[in-house]
């Protein structure tokens, strides 16, 4: 796996998903350096922690995930991978328009899926 040295910030309003994603990615050799539960926290944490990758839920309680992705990529803060429990097809062109590198359904999250989008 080429990107295991990538640092990751996990953004999701559900603590259970953040915990599961952290355990899964760390078990596959990734370094999870932080977590955030909403869009404003995501922007703040991305600025202070400077992760290589932000795994970002589409549905957040304050800001729309696409809006957060656009802000993060527009400022060159990180590669953004969007995630949701819904299928990526539900979002049409919004993923590409947000500047995100891609989309991974939550049920398909894995180090390999992340690596395929982030590249090395």
PDB file of N, CA and C in Angstrom:
ATOM      1  N   UNK A   1       0.838  -1.176   0.000  1.00  0.00           N
ATOM      2  CA  UNK A   1       0.000   0.000   0.000  1.00  0.00           C
ATOM      3  C   UNK A   1       0.883   1.240   0.000  1.00  0.00           C
ATOM      4  N   UNK A   2       0.710   2.085  -0.992  1.00  0.00           N
ATOM      5  CA  UNK A   2       1.615   3.210  -1.167  1.00  0.00           C
ATOM      6  C   UNK A   2       1.371   4.393  -0.259  1.00  0.00           C
ATOM      7  N   UNK A   3       0.158   4.554   0.239  1.00  0.00           N
ATOM      8  CA  UNK A   3      -0.171   5.788   0.956  1.00  0.00           C
ATOM      9  C   UNK A   3      -0.268   5.621   2.464  1.00  0.00           C
ATOM     10  N   UNK A   4       0.291   4.552   3.004  1.00  0.00           N
ATOM     11  CA  UNK A   4       0.134   4.345   4.435  1.00  0.00           C
ATOM     12  C   UNK A   4       0.826   5.414   5.267  1.00  0.00           C
ATOM     13  N   UNK A   5       1.672   6.223   4.661  1.00  0.00           N
ATOM     14  CA  UNK A   5       2.289   7.310   5.409  1.00  0.00           C
ATOM     15  C   UNK A   5       1.410   8.554   5.429  1.00  0.00           C
ATOM     16  N   UNK A   6       0.286   8.491   4.740  1.00  0.00           N
ATOM     17  CA  UNK A   6      -0.642   9.618   4.716  1.00  0.00           C
ATOM     18  C   UNK A   6      -1.284   9.803   6.089  1.00  0.00           C
ATOM     19  N   UNK A   7      -1.441  11.058   6.475  1.00  0.00           N
ATOM     20  CA  UNK A   7      -2.141  11.358   7.717  1.00  0.00           C
ATOM     21  C   UNK A   7      -3.595  11.673   7.374  1.00  0.00           C
ATOM     22  N   UNK A   8      -4.494  11.262   8.263  1.00  0.00           N
ATOM     23  CA  UNK A   8      -5.925  11.346   7.972  1.00  0.00           C
ATOM     24  C   UNK A   8      -6.681  12.050   9.091  1.00  0.00           C
ATOM     25  N   UNK A   9      -7.612  12.911   8.694  1.00  0.00           N
ATOM     26  CA  UNK A   9      -8.581  13.532   9.593  1.00  0.00           C
ATOM     27  C   UNK A   9      -9.946  12.949   9.226  1.00  0.00           C
ATOM     28  N   UNK A  10     -10.644  12.382  10.200  1.00  0.00           N
ATOM     29  CA  UNK A  10     -11.960  11.793   9.968  1.00  0.00           C
ATOM     30  C   UNK A  10     -13.030  12.778  10.443  1.00  0.00           C
ATOM     31  N   UNK A  11     -13.958  13.116   9.542  1.00  0.00           N
ATOM     32  CA  UNK A  11     -15.023  14.067   9.873  1.00  0.00           C
ATOM     33  C   UNK A  11     -16.373  13.380   9.705  1.00  0.00           C
ATOM     34  N   UNK A  12     -17.077  13.209  10.813  1.00  0.00           N
ATOM     35  CA  UNK A  12     -18.401  12.584  10.793  1.00  0.00           C
ATOM     36  C   UNK A  12     -19.111  12.960  12.092  1.00  0.00           C
ATOM     37  N   UNK A  13     -20.411  13.183  12.018  1.00  0.00           N
ATOM     38  CA  UNK A  13     -21.140  13.571  13.229  1.00  0.00           C
ATOM     39  C   UNK A  13     -21.495  12.376  14.099  1.00  0.00           C
ATOM     40  N   UNK A  14     -21.211  11.170  13.664  1.00  0.00           N
ATOM     41  CA  UNK A  14     -21.472   9.976  14.470  1.00  0.00           C
ATOM     42  C   UNK A  14     -20.166   9.430  15.048  1.00  0.00           C
ATOM     43  N   UNK A  15     -20.055   9.479  16.371  1.00  0.00           N
ATOM     44  CA  UNK A  15     -18.841   9.009  17.046  1.00  0.00           C
ATOM     45  C   UNK A  15     -18.559   7.545  16.745  1.00  0.00           C
ATOM     46  N   UNK A  16     -19.600   6.751  16.593  1.00  0.00           N
ATOM     47  CA  UNK A  16     -19.428   5.327  16.305  1.00  0.00           C
ATOM     48  C   UNK A  16     -18.717   5.122  14.973  1.00  0.00           C
ATOM     49  N   UNK A  17     -19.119   5.893  13.946  1.00  0.00           N
ATOM     50  CA  UNK A  17     -18.447   5.759  12.651  1.00  0.00           C
ATOM     51  C   UNK A  17     -17.006   6.243  12.747  1.00  0.00           C
ATOM     52  N   UNK A  18     -16.775   7.360  13.423  1.00  0.00           N
ATOM     53  CA  UNK A  18     -15.391   7.864  13.550  1.00  0.00           C
ATOM     54  C   UNK A  18     -14.509   6.817  14.202  1.00  0.00           C
ATOM     55  N   UNK A  19     -15.002   6.192  15.259  1.00  0.00           N
ATOM     56  CA  UNK A  19     -14.238   5.171  15.970  1.00  0.00           C
ATOM     57  C   UNK A  19     -13.967   3.960  15.067  1.00  0.00           C
ATOM     58  N   UNK A  20     -14.991   3.497  14.370  1.00  0.00           N
ATOM     59  CA  UNK A  20     -14.844   2.345  13.468  1.00  0.00           C
ATOM     60  C   UNK A  20     -13.859   2.644  12.343  1.00  0.00           C
ATOM     61  N   UNK A  21     -14.004   3.822  11.736  1.00  0.00           N
ATOM     62  CA  UNK A  21     -13.117   4.201  10.632  1.00  0.00           C
ATOM     63  C   UNK A  21     -11.674   4.311  11.125  1.00  0.00           C
ATOM     64  N   UNK A  22     -11.489   4.898  12.308  1.00  0.00           N
ATOM     65  CA  UNK A  22     -10.141   5.025  12.875  1.00  0.00           C
ATOM     66  C   UNK A  22      -9.522   3.643  13.072  1.00  0.00           C
ATOM     67  N   UNK A  23     -10.252   2.731  13.711  1.00  0.00           N
ATOM     68  CA  UNK A  23      -9.731   1.380  13.969  1.00  0.00           C
ATOM     69  C   UNK A  23      -9.387   0.661  12.674  1.00  0.00           C
ATOM     70  N   UNK A  24     -10.282   0.751  11.700  1.00  0.00           N
ATOM     71  CA  UNK A  24     -10.069   0.090  10.416  1.00  0.00           C
ATOM     72  C   UNK A  24      -8.830   0.639   9.710  1.00  0.00           C
ATOM     73  N   UNK A  25      -8.740   1.955   9.612  1.00  0.00           N
ATOM     74  CA  UNK A  25      -7.622   2.561   8.876  1.00  0.00           C
ATOM     75  C   UNK A  25      -6.296   2.390   9.611  1.00  0.00           C
ATOM     76  N   UNK A  26      -6.310   2.521  10.926  1.00  0.00           N
ATOM     77  CA  UNK A  26      -5.075   2.314  11.682  1.00  0.00           C
ATOM     78  C   UNK A  26      -4.605   0.865  11.582  1.00  0.00           C
ATOM     79  N   UNK A  27      -5.537  -0.086  11.560  1.00  0.00           N
ATOM     80  CA  UNK A  27      -5.177  -1.497  11.418  1.00  0.00           C
ATOM     81  C   UNK A  27      -4.524  -1.760  10.067  1.00  0.00           C
ATOM     82  N   UNK A  28      -4.832  -0.903   9.076  1.00  0.00           N
ATOM     83  CA  UNK A  28      -4.251  -1.061   7.752  1.00  0.00           C
ATOM     84  C   UNK A  28      -3.027  -0.163   7.556  1.00  0.00           C
ATOM     85  N   UNK A  29      -2.550   0.441   8.648  1.00  0.00           N
ATOM     86  CA  UNK A  29      -1.296   1.173   8.594  1.00  0.00           C
ATOM     87  C   UNK A  29      -1.376   2.668   8.386  1.00  0.00           C
ATOM     88  N   UNK A  30      -2.581   3.220   8.334  1.00  0.00           N
ATOM     89  CA  UNK A  30      -2.717   4.667   8.174  1.00  0.00           C
ATOM     90  C   UNK A  30      -2.571   5.364   9.520  1.00  0.00           C
ATOM     91  N   UNK A  31      -2.217   6.648   9.484  1.00  0.00           N
ATOM     92  CA  UNK A  31      -2.093   7.436  10.715  1.00  0.00           C
ATOM     93  C   UNK A  31      -3.261   8.416  10.802  1.00  0.00           C
ATOM     94  N   UNK A  32      -4.207   8.109  11.686  1.00  0.00           N
ATOM     95  CA  UNK A  32      -5.335   9.014  11.910  1.00  0.00           C
ATOM     96  C   UNK A  32      -4.881  10.021  12.953  1.00  0.00           C
ATOM     97  N   UNK A  33      -4.806  11.289  12.541  1.00  0.00           N
ATOM     98  CA  UNK A  33      -4.261  12.306  13.448  1.00  0.00           C
ATOM     99  C   UNK A  33      -5.332  13.157  14.112  1.00  0.00           C
ATOM    100  N   UNK A  34      -6.601  12.958  13.714  1.00  0.00           N
ATOM    101  CA  UNK A  34      -7.646  13.735  14.354  1.00  0.00           C
ATOM    102  C   UNK A  34      -9.024  13.360  13.874  1.00  0.00           C
ATOM    103  N   UNK A  35     -10.007  13.885  14.593  1.00  0.00           N
ATOM    104  CA  UNK A  35     -11.415  13.663  14.274  1.00  0.00           C
ATOM    105  C   UNK A  35     -12.158  14.975  14.474  1.00  0.00           C
ATOM    106  N   UNK A  36     -13.234  15.143  13.717  1.00  0.00           N
ATOM    107  CA  UNK A  36     -14.102  16.309  13.887  1.00  0.00           C
ATOM    108  C   UNK A  36     -15.538  15.843  13.696  1.00  0.00           C
ATOM    109  N   UNK A  37     -16.475  16.522  14.397  1.00  0.00           N
ATOM    110  CA  UNK A  37     -17.867  16.085  14.345  1.00  0.00           C
ATOM    111  C   UNK A  37     -18.767  16.975  13.501  1.00  0.00           C
ATOM    112  N   UNK A  38     -18.220  18.082  12.982  1.00  0.00           N
ATOM    113  CA  UNK A  38     -19.024  18.947  12.120  1.00  0.00           C
ATOM    114  C   UNK A  38     -18.109  19.722  11.169  1.00  0.00           C
ATOM    115  N   UNK A  39     -18.734  20.467  10.265  1.00  0.00           N
ATOM    116  CA  UNK A  39     -17.982  21.167   9.232  1.00  0.00           C
ATOM    117  C   UNK A  39     -17.042  22.243   9.748  1.00  0.00           C
ATOM    118  N   UNK A  40     -17.515  23.042  10.702  1.00  0.00           N
ATOM    119  CA  UNK A  40     -16.656  24.105  11.233  1.00  0.00           C
ATOM    120  C   UNK A  40     -15.430  23.519  11.941  1.00  0.00           C
ATOM    121  N   UNK A  41     -15.661  22.458  12.713  1.00  0.00           N
ATOM    122  CA  UNK A  41     -14.536  21.788  13.379  1.00  0.00           C
ATOM    123  C   UNK A  41     -13.588  21.188  12.349  1.00  0.00           C
ATOM    124  N   UNK A  42     -14.142  20.662  11.267  1.00  0.00           N
ATOM    125  CA  UNK A  42     -13.315  20.070  10.209  1.00  0.00           C
ATOM    126  C   UNK A  42     -12.364  21.111   9.619  1.00  0.00           C
ATOM    127  N   UNK A  43     -12.893  22.292   9.341  1.00  0.00           N
ATOM    128  CA  UNK A  43     -12.057  23.357   8.770  1.00  0.00           C
ATOM    129  C   UNK A  43     -10.967  23.772   9.750  1.00  0.00           C
ATOM    130  N   UNK A  44     -11.348  23.913  11.012  1.00  0.00           N
ATOM    131  CA  UNK A  44     -10.390  24.302  12.045  1.00  0.00           C
ATOM    132  C   UNK A  44      -9.316  23.227  12.249  1.00  0.00           C
ATOM    133  N   UNK A  45      -9.749  21.968  12.369  1.00  0.00           N
ATOM    134  CA  UNK A  45      -8.800  20.863  12.581  1.00  0.00           C
ATOM    135  C   UNK A  45      -7.879  20.682  11.380  1.00  0.00           C
ATOM    136  N   UNK A  46      -8.414  20.821  10.178  1.00  0.00           N
ATOM    137  CA  UNK A  46      -7.587  20.672   8.978  1.00  0.00           C
ATOM    138  C   UNK A  46      -6.501  21.738   8.933  1.00  0.00           C
ATOM    139  N   UNK A  47      -6.861  22.940   9.374  1.00  0.00           N
ATOM    140  CA  UNK A  47      -5.879  24.018   9.379  1.00  0.00           C
ATOM    141  C   UNK A  47      -4.795  23.777  10.424  1.00  0.00           C
ATOM    142  N   UNK A  48      -5.167  23.331  11.609  1.00  0.00           N
ATOM    143  CA  UNK A  48      -4.174  23.152  12.671  1.00  0.00           C
ATOM    144  C   UNK A  48      -3.394  21.852  12.559  1.00  0.00           C
ATOM    145  N   UNK A  49      -4.044  20.760  12.128  1.00  0.00           N
ATOM    146  CA  UNK A  49      -3.372  19.451  12.076  1.00  0.00           C
ATOM    147  C   UNK A  49      -2.649  19.188  10.753  1.00  0.00           C
ATOM    148  N   UNK A  50      -3.083  19.893   9.687  1.00  0.00           N
ATOM    149  CA  UNK A  50      -2.510  19.729   8.352  1.00  0.00           C
ATOM    150  C   UNK A  50      -2.462  18.267   7.892  1.00  0.00           C
ATOM    151  N   UNK A  51      -3.619  17.584   7.878  1.00  0.00           N
ATOM    152  CA  UNK A  51      -3.644  16.190   7.407  1.00  0.00           C
ATOM    153  C   UNK A  51      -3.407  16.140   5.898  1.00  0.00           C
ATOM    154  N   UNK A  52      -2.936  15.000   5.426  1.00  0.00           N
ATOM    155  CA  UNK A  52      -2.806  14.806   3.979  1.00  0.00           C
ATOM    156  C   UNK A  52      -4.172  14.548   3.362  1.00  0.00           C
ATOM    157  N   UNK A  53      -5.014  13.826   4.114  1.00  0.00           N
ATOM    158  CA  UNK A  53      -6.323  13.396   3.613  1.00  0.00           C
ATOM    159  C   UNK A  53      -7.403  13.696   4.648  1.00  0.00           C
ATOM    160  N   UNK A  54      -8.550  14.194   4.172  1.00  0.00           N
ATOM    161  CA  UNK A  54      -9.717  14.368   5.031  1.00  0.00           C
ATOM    162  C   UNK A  54     -10.801  13.425   4.520  1.00  0.00           C
ATOM    163  N   UNK A  55     -11.198  12.481   5.382  1.00  0.00           N
ATOM    164  CA  UNK A  55     -12.321  11.587   5.085  1.00  0.00           C
ATOM    165  C   UNK A  55     -13.554  12.300   5.631  1.00  0.00           C
ATOM    166  N   UNK A  56     -14.419  12.780   4.746  1.00  0.00           N
ATOM    167  CA  UNK A  56     -15.456  13.750   5.085  1.00  0.00           C
ATOM    168  C   UNK A  56     -16.856  13.238   4.776  1.00  0.00           C
ATOM    169  N   UNK A  57     -17.689  13.178   5.812  1.00  0.00           N
ATOM    170  CA  UNK A  57     -19.085  12.774   5.628  1.00  0.00           C
ATOM    171  C   UNK A  57     -19.828  13.868   4.862  1.00  0.00           C
ATOM    172  N   UNK A  58     -20.711  13.463   3.971  1.00  0.00           N
ATOM    173  CA  UNK A  58     -21.500  14.408   3.186  1.00  0.00           C
ATOM    174  C   UNK A  58     -22.513  15.147   4.063  1.00  0.00           C
ATOM    175  N   UNK A  59     -23.129  14.436   5.013  1.00  0.00           N
ATOM    176  CA  UNK A  59     -24.189  15.029   5.828  1.00  0.00           C
ATOM    177  C   UNK A  59     -23.666  15.389   7.208  1.00  0.00           C
ATOM    178  N   UNK A  60     -23.471  16.685   7.435  1.00  0.00           N
ATOM    179  CA  UNK A  60     -22.990  17.185   8.724  1.00  0.00           C
ATOM    180  C   UNK A  60     -24.052  18.095   9.318  1.00  0.00           C
ATOM    181  N   UNK A  61     -24.057  18.272  10.647  1.00  0.00           N
ATOM    182  CA  UNK A  61     -25.127  19.044  11.276  1.00  0.00           C
ATOM    183  C   UNK A  61     -25.089  20.548  10.988  1.00  0.00           C
ATOM    184  N   UNK A  62     -23.922  21.093  10.646  1.00  0.00           N
ATOM    185  CA  UNK A  62     -23.863  22.545  10.438  1.00  0.00           C
ATOM    186  C   UNK A  62     -23.655  22.913   8.973  1.00  0.00           C
ATOM    187  N   UNK A  63     -22.542  22.527   8.402  1.00  0.00           N
ATOM    188  CA  UNK A  63     -22.238  22.845   7.014  1.00  0.00           C
ATOM    189  C   UNK A  63     -22.399  21.600   6.152  1.00  0.00           C
ATOM    190  N   UNK A  64     -22.783  21.797   4.926  1.00  0.00           N
ATOM    191  CA  UNK A  64     -22.887  20.711   3.958  1.00  0.00           C
ATOM    192  C   UNK A  64     -21.479  20.176   3.668  1.00  0.00           C
ATOM    193  N   UNK A  65     -21.329  18.854   3.587  1.00  0.00           N
ATOM    194  CA  UNK A  65     -20.023  18.256   3.319  1.00  0.00           C
ATOM    195  C   UNK A  65     -19.406  18.729   2.015  1.00  0.00           C
ATOM    196  N   UNK A  66     -20.242  19.000   1.006  1.00  0.00           N
ATOM    197  CA  UNK A  66     -19.714  19.487  -0.271  1.00  0.00           C
ATOM    198  C   UNK A  66     -19.121  20.878  -0.118  1.00  0.00           C
ATOM    199  N   UNK A  67     -19.770  21.700   0.712  1.00  0.00           N
ATOM    200  CA  UNK A  67     -19.288  23.051   1.000  1.00  0.00           C
ATOM    201  C   UNK A  67     -17.937  22.983   1.723  1.00  0.00           C
ATOM    202  N   UNK A  68     -17.835  22.088   2.694  1.00  0.00           N
ATOM    203  CA  UNK A  68     -16.584  21.908   3.448  1.00  0.00           C
ATOM    204  C   UNK A  68     -15.480  21.411   2.505  1.00  0.00           C
ATOM    205  N   UNK A  69     -15.818  20.451   1.648  1.00  0.00           N
ATOM    206  CA  UNK A  69     -14.835  19.913   0.691  1.00  0.00           C
ATOM    207  C   UNK A  69     -14.319  21.019  -0.218  1.00  0.00           C
ATOM    208  N   UNK A  70     -15.224  21.835  -0.704  1.00  0.00           N
ATOM    209  CA  UNK A  70     -14.845  22.933  -1.593  1.00  0.00           C
ATOM    210  C   UNK A  70     -13.908  23.916  -0.893  1.00  0.00           C
ATOM    211  N   UNK A  71     -14.207  24.211   0.363  1.00  0.00           N
ATOM    212  CA  UNK A  71     -13.367  25.120   1.148  1.00  0.00           C
ATOM    213  C   UNK A  71     -11.975  24.516   1.380  1.00  0.00           C
ATOM    214  N   UNK A  72     -11.944  23.243   1.780  1.00  0.00           N
ATOM    215  CA  UNK A  72     -10.662  22.574   2.049  1.00  0.00           C
ATOM    216  C   UNK A  72      -9.791  22.490   0.802  1.00  0.00           C
ATOM    217  N   UNK A  73     -10.385  22.072  -0.311  1.00  0.00           N
ATOM    218  CA  UNK A  73      -9.594  21.917  -1.537  1.00  0.00           C
ATOM    219  C   UNK A  73      -9.244  23.271  -2.134  1.00  0.00           C
ATOM    220  N   UNK A  74     -10.159  24.221  -2.020  1.00  0.00           N
ATOM    221  CA  UNK A  74      -9.900  25.565  -2.543  1.00  0.00           C
ATOM    222  C   UNK A  74      -8.728  26.236  -1.847  1.00  0.00           C
ATOM    223  N   UNK A  75      -8.551  25.928  -0.579  1.00  0.00           N
ATOM    224  CA  UNK A  75      -7.443  26.496   0.195  1.00  0.00           C
ATOM    225  C   UNK A  75      -6.214  25.582   0.166  1.00  0.00           C
ATOM    226  N   UNK A  76      -6.300  24.472  -0.557  1.00  0.00           N
ATOM    227  CA  UNK A  76      -5.165  23.563  -0.678  1.00  0.00           C
ATOM    228  C   UNK A  76      -4.792  22.891   0.630  1.00  0.00           C
ATOM    229  N   UNK A  77      -5.775  22.693   1.516  1.00  0.00           N
ATOM    230  CA  UNK A  77      -5.477  22.149   2.834  1.00  0.00           C
ATOM    231  C   UNK A  77      -5.289  20.640   2.846  1.00  0.00           C
ATOM    232  N   UNK A  78      -5.983  19.914   1.962  1.00  0.00           N
ATOM    233  CA  UNK A  78      -5.894  18.451   1.999  1.00  0.00           C
ATOM    234  C   UNK A  78      -6.596  17.850   0.790  1.00  0.00           C
ATOM    235  N   UNK A  79      -6.279  16.593   0.535  1.00  0.00           N
ATOM    236  CA  UNK A  79      -7.053  15.796  -0.413  1.00  0.00           C
ATOM    237  C   UNK A  79      -8.317  15.393   0.340  1.00  0.00           C
ATOM    238  N   UNK A  80      -9.465  15.548  -0.286  1.00  0.00           N
ATOM    239  CA  UNK A  80     -10.729  15.229   0.371  1.00  0.00           C
ATOM    240  C   UNK A  80     -11.363  14.004  -0.282  1.00  0.00           C
ATOM    241  N   UNK A  81     -11.746  13.053   0.554  1.00  0.00           N
ATOM    242  CA  UNK A  81     -12.507  11.890   0.126  1.00  0.00           C
ATOM    243  C   UNK A  81     -13.853  11.965   0.849  1.00  0.00           C
ATOM    244  N   UNK A  82     -14.920  12.063   0.089  1.00  0.00           N
ATOM    245  CA  UNK A  82     -16.253  12.134   0.681  1.00  0.00           C
ATOM    246  C   UNK A  82     -16.770  10.735   0.986  1.00  0.00           C
ATOM    247  N   UNK A  83     -17.625  10.649   1.993  1.00  0.00           N
ATOM    248  CA  UNK A  83     -18.237   9.369   2.359  1.00  0.00           C
ATOM    249  C   UNK A  83     -19.672   9.614   2.819  1.00  0.00           C
ATOM    250  N   UNK A  84     -20.479   8.581   2.709  1.00  0.00           N
ATOM    251  CA  UNK A  84     -21.860   8.657   3.164  1.00  0.00           C
ATOM    252  C   UNK A  84     -22.411   7.243   3.255  1.00  0.00           C
ATOM    253  N   UNK A  85     -23.479   7.100   4.018  1.00  0.00           N
ATOM    254  CA  UNK A  85     -24.154   5.804   4.050  1.00  0.00           C
ATOM    255  C   UNK A  85     -25.026   5.649   2.801  1.00  0.00           C
ATOM    256  N   UNK A  86     -25.244   6.739   2.081  1.00  0.00           N
ATOM    257  CA  UNK A  86     -25.975   6.677   0.812  1.00  0.00           C
ATOM    258  C   UNK A  86     -25.012   6.360  -0.318  1.00  0.00           C
ATOM    259  N   UNK A  87     -25.544   5.937  -1.439  1.00  0.00           N
ATOM    260  CA  UNK A  87     -24.736   5.587  -2.602  1.00  0.00           C
ATOM    261  C   UNK A  87     -24.224   6.852  -3.291  1.00  0.00           C
ATOM    262  N   UNK A  88     -23.033   6.783  -3.816  1.00  0.00           N
ATOM    263  CA  UNK A  88     -22.439   7.931  -4.496  1.00  0.00           C
ATOM    264  C   UNK A  88     -23.260   8.424  -5.670  1.00  0.00           C
ATOM    265  N   UNK A  89     -23.996   7.528  -6.320  1.00  0.00           N
ATOM    266  CA  UNK A  89     -24.823   7.910  -7.464  1.00  0.00           C
ATOM    267  C   UNK A  89     -25.914   8.906  -7.056  1.00  0.00           C
ATOM    268  N   UNK A  90     -26.270   8.920  -5.775  1.00  0.00           N
ATOM    269  CA  UNK A  90     -27.286   9.851  -5.288  1.00  0.00           C
ATOM    270  C   UNK A  90     -26.840  11.309  -5.390  1.00  0.00           C
ATOM    271  N   UNK A  91     -25.536  11.523  -5.506  1.00  0.00           N
ATOM    272  CA  UNK A  91     -25.007  12.888  -5.456  1.00  0.00           C
ATOM    273  C   UNK A  91     -24.632  13.452  -6.819  1.00  0.00           C
ATOM    274  N   UNK A  92     -24.785  12.658  -7.868  1.00  0.00           N
ATOM    275  CA  UNK A  92     -24.507  13.144  -9.214  1.00  0.00           C
ATOM    276  C   UNK A  92     -23.130  13.778  -9.327  1.00  0.00           C
ATOM    277  N   UNK A  93     -23.095  14.987  -9.883  1.00  0.00           N
ATOM    278  CA  UNK A  93     -21.820  15.664 -10.129  1.00  0.00           C
ATOM    279  C   UNK A  93     -21.312  16.459  -8.925  1.00  0.00           C
ATOM    280  N   UNK A  94     -22.047  16.434  -7.805  1.00  0.00           N
ATOM    281  CA  UNK A  94     -21.656  17.233  -6.644  1.00  0.00           C
ATOM    282  C   UNK A  94     -20.278  16.851  -6.104  1.00  0.00           C
ATOM    283  N   UNK A  95     -19.920  15.563  -6.172  1.00  0.00           N
ATOM    284  CA  UNK A  95     -18.613  15.119  -5.667  1.00  0.00           C
ATOM    285  C   UNK A  95     -17.505  15.808  -6.456  1.00  0.00           C
ATOM    286  N   UNK A  96     -17.557  15.714  -7.768  1.00  0.00           N
ATOM    287  CA  UNK A  96     -16.520  16.334  -8.613  1.00  0.00           C
ATOM    288  C   UNK A  96     -16.513  17.852  -8.470  1.00  0.00           C
ATOM    289  N   UNK A  97     -17.692  18.455  -8.419  1.00  0.00           N
ATOM    290  CA  UNK A  97     -17.780  19.917  -8.322  1.00  0.00           C
ATOM    291  C   UNK A  97     -17.235  20.448  -6.997  1.00  0.00           C
ATOM    292  N   UNK A  98     -17.221  19.621  -5.963  1.00  0.00           N
ATOM    293  CA  UNK A  98     -16.750  20.061  -4.646  1.00  0.00           C
ATOM    294  C   UNK A  98     -15.227  20.102  -4.566  1.00  0.00           C
ATOM    295  N   UNK A  99     -14.565  19.518  -5.554  1.00  0.00           N
ATOM    296  CA  UNK A  99     -13.110  19.450  -5.518  1.00  0.00           C
ATOM    297  C   UNK A  99     -12.592  18.192  -4.841  1.00  0.00           C
ATOM    298  N   UNK A 100     -13.509  17.362  -4.336  1.00  0.00           N
ATOM    299  CA  UNK A 100     -13.100  16.114  -3.679  1.00  0.00           C
ATOM    300  C   UNK A 100     -12.458  15.180  -4.703  1.00  0.00           C
ATOM    301  N   UNK A 101     -11.521  14.367  -4.228  1.00  0.00           N
ATOM    302  CA  UNK A 101     -10.838  13.405  -5.094  1.00  0.00           C
ATOM    303  C   UNK A 101     -11.756  12.249  -5.473  1.00  0.00           C
ATOM    304  N   UNK A 102     -12.745  11.968  -4.610  1.00  0.00           N
ATOM    305  CA  UNK A 102     -13.651  10.865  -4.901  1.00  0.00           C
ATOM    306  C   UNK A 102     -14.595  10.604  -3.754  1.00  0.00           C
ATOM    307  N   UNK A 103     -15.282   9.471  -3.851  1.00  0.00           N
ATOM    308  CA  UNK A 103     -16.325   9.108  -2.895  1.00  0.00           C
ATOM    309  C   UNK A 103     -16.199   7.628  -2.560  1.00  0.00           C
ATOM    310  N   UNK A 104     -16.334   7.305  -1.278  1.00  0.00           N
ATOM    311  CA  UNK A 104     -16.354   5.913  -0.826  1.00  0.00           C
ATOM    312  C   UNK A 104     -17.598   5.730   0.056  1.00  0.00           C
ATOM    313  N   UNK A 105     -18.498   4.814  -0.309  1.00  0.00           N
ATOM    314  CA  UNK A 105     -19.630   4.521   0.582  1.00  0.00           C
ATOM    315  C   UNK A 105     -19.090   3.999   1.919  1.00  0.00           C
ATOM    316  N   UNK A 106     -19.717   4.389   3.014  1.00  0.00           N
ATOM    317  CA  UNK A 106     -19.227   3.984   4.343  1.00  0.00           C
ATOM    318  C   UNK A 106     -19.058   2.475   4.473  1.00  0.00           C
ATOM    319  N   UNK A 107     -19.969   1.710   3.896  1.00  0.00           N
ATOM    320  CA  UNK A 107     -19.893   0.253   4.014  1.00  0.00           C
ATOM    321  C   UNK A 107     -18.728  -0.341   3.219  1.00  0.00           C
ATOM    322  N   UNK A 108     -18.131   0.454   2.324  1.00  0.00           N
ATOM    323  CA  UNK A 108     -17.026  -0.045   1.504  1.00  0.00           C
ATOM    324  C   UNK A 108     -15.690   0.576   1.906  1.00  0.00           C
ATOM    325  N   UNK A 109     -15.669   1.297   3.017  1.00  0.00           N
ATOM    326  CA  UNK A 109     -14.435   1.933   3.453  1.00  0.00           C
ATOM    327  C   UNK A 109     -13.380   0.882   3.776  1.00  0.00           C
ATOM    328  N   UNK A 110     -12.204   1.068   3.199  1.00  0.00           N
ATOM    329  CA  UNK A 110     -11.063   0.196   3.487  1.00  0.00           C
ATOM    330  C   UNK A 110      -9.804   0.960   3.120  1.00  0.00           C
ATOM    331  N   UNK A 111      -8.688   0.464   3.594  1.00  0.00           N
ATOM    332  CA  UNK A 111      -7.422   1.073   3.228  1.00  0.00           C
ATOM    333  C   UNK A 111      -7.202   1.023   1.729  1.00  0.00           C
ATOM    334  N   UNK A 112      -7.573  -0.096   1.110  1.00  0.00           N
ATOM    335  CA  UNK A 112      -7.396  -0.254  -0.337  1.00  0.00           C
ATOM    336  C   UNK A 112      -8.259   0.742  -1.110  1.00  0.00           C
ATOM    337  N   UNK A 113      -9.507   0.942  -0.658  1.00  0.00           N
ATOM    338  CA  UNK A 113     -10.393   1.889  -1.335  1.00  0.00           C
ATOM    339  C   UNK A 113      -9.845   3.307  -1.204  1.00  0.00           C
ATOM    340  N   UNK A 114      -9.354   3.635  -0.034  1.00  0.00           N
ATOM    341  CA  UNK A 114      -8.767   4.955   0.193  1.00  0.00           C
ATOM    342  C   UNK A 114      -7.517   5.138  -0.652  1.00  0.00           C
ATOM    343  N   UNK A 115      -6.672   4.125  -0.652  1.00  0.00           N
ATOM    344  CA  UNK A 115      -5.431   4.177  -1.407  1.00  0.00           C
ATOM    345  C   UNK A 115      -5.687   4.344  -2.896  1.00  0.00           C
ATOM    346  N   UNK A 116      -6.728   3.704  -3.417  1.00  0.00           N
ATOM    347  CA  UNK A 116      -7.047   3.804  -4.836  1.00  0.00           C
ATOM    348  C   UNK A 116      -7.383   5.233  -5.236  1.00  0.00           C
ATOM    349  N   UNK A 117      -7.993   5.996  -4.334  1.00  0.00           N
ATOM    350  CA  UNK A 117      -8.351   7.383  -4.634  1.00  0.00           C
ATOM    351  C   UNK A 117      -7.230   8.368  -4.326  1.00  0.00           C
ATOM    352  N   UNK A 118      -6.508   8.116  -3.255  1.00  0.00           N
ATOM    353  CA  UNK A 118      -5.464   9.046  -2.841  1.00  0.00           C
ATOM    354  C   UNK A 118      -4.217   8.855  -3.704  1.00  0.00           C
ATOM    355  N   UNK A 119      -3.922   7.589  -4.043  1.00  0.00           N
ATOM    356  CA  UNK A 119      -2.725   7.296  -4.827  1.00  0.00           C
ATOM    357  C   UNK A 119      -1.483   7.475  -3.993  1.00  0.00           C
ATOM    358  N   UNK A 120      -0.343   7.191  -4.607  1.00  0.00           N
ATOM    359  CA  UNK A 120       0.895   7.335  -3.840  1.00  0.00           C
ATOM    360  C   UNK A 120       1.822   8.317  -4.482  1.00  0.00           C
TER     361      UNK A 120
END
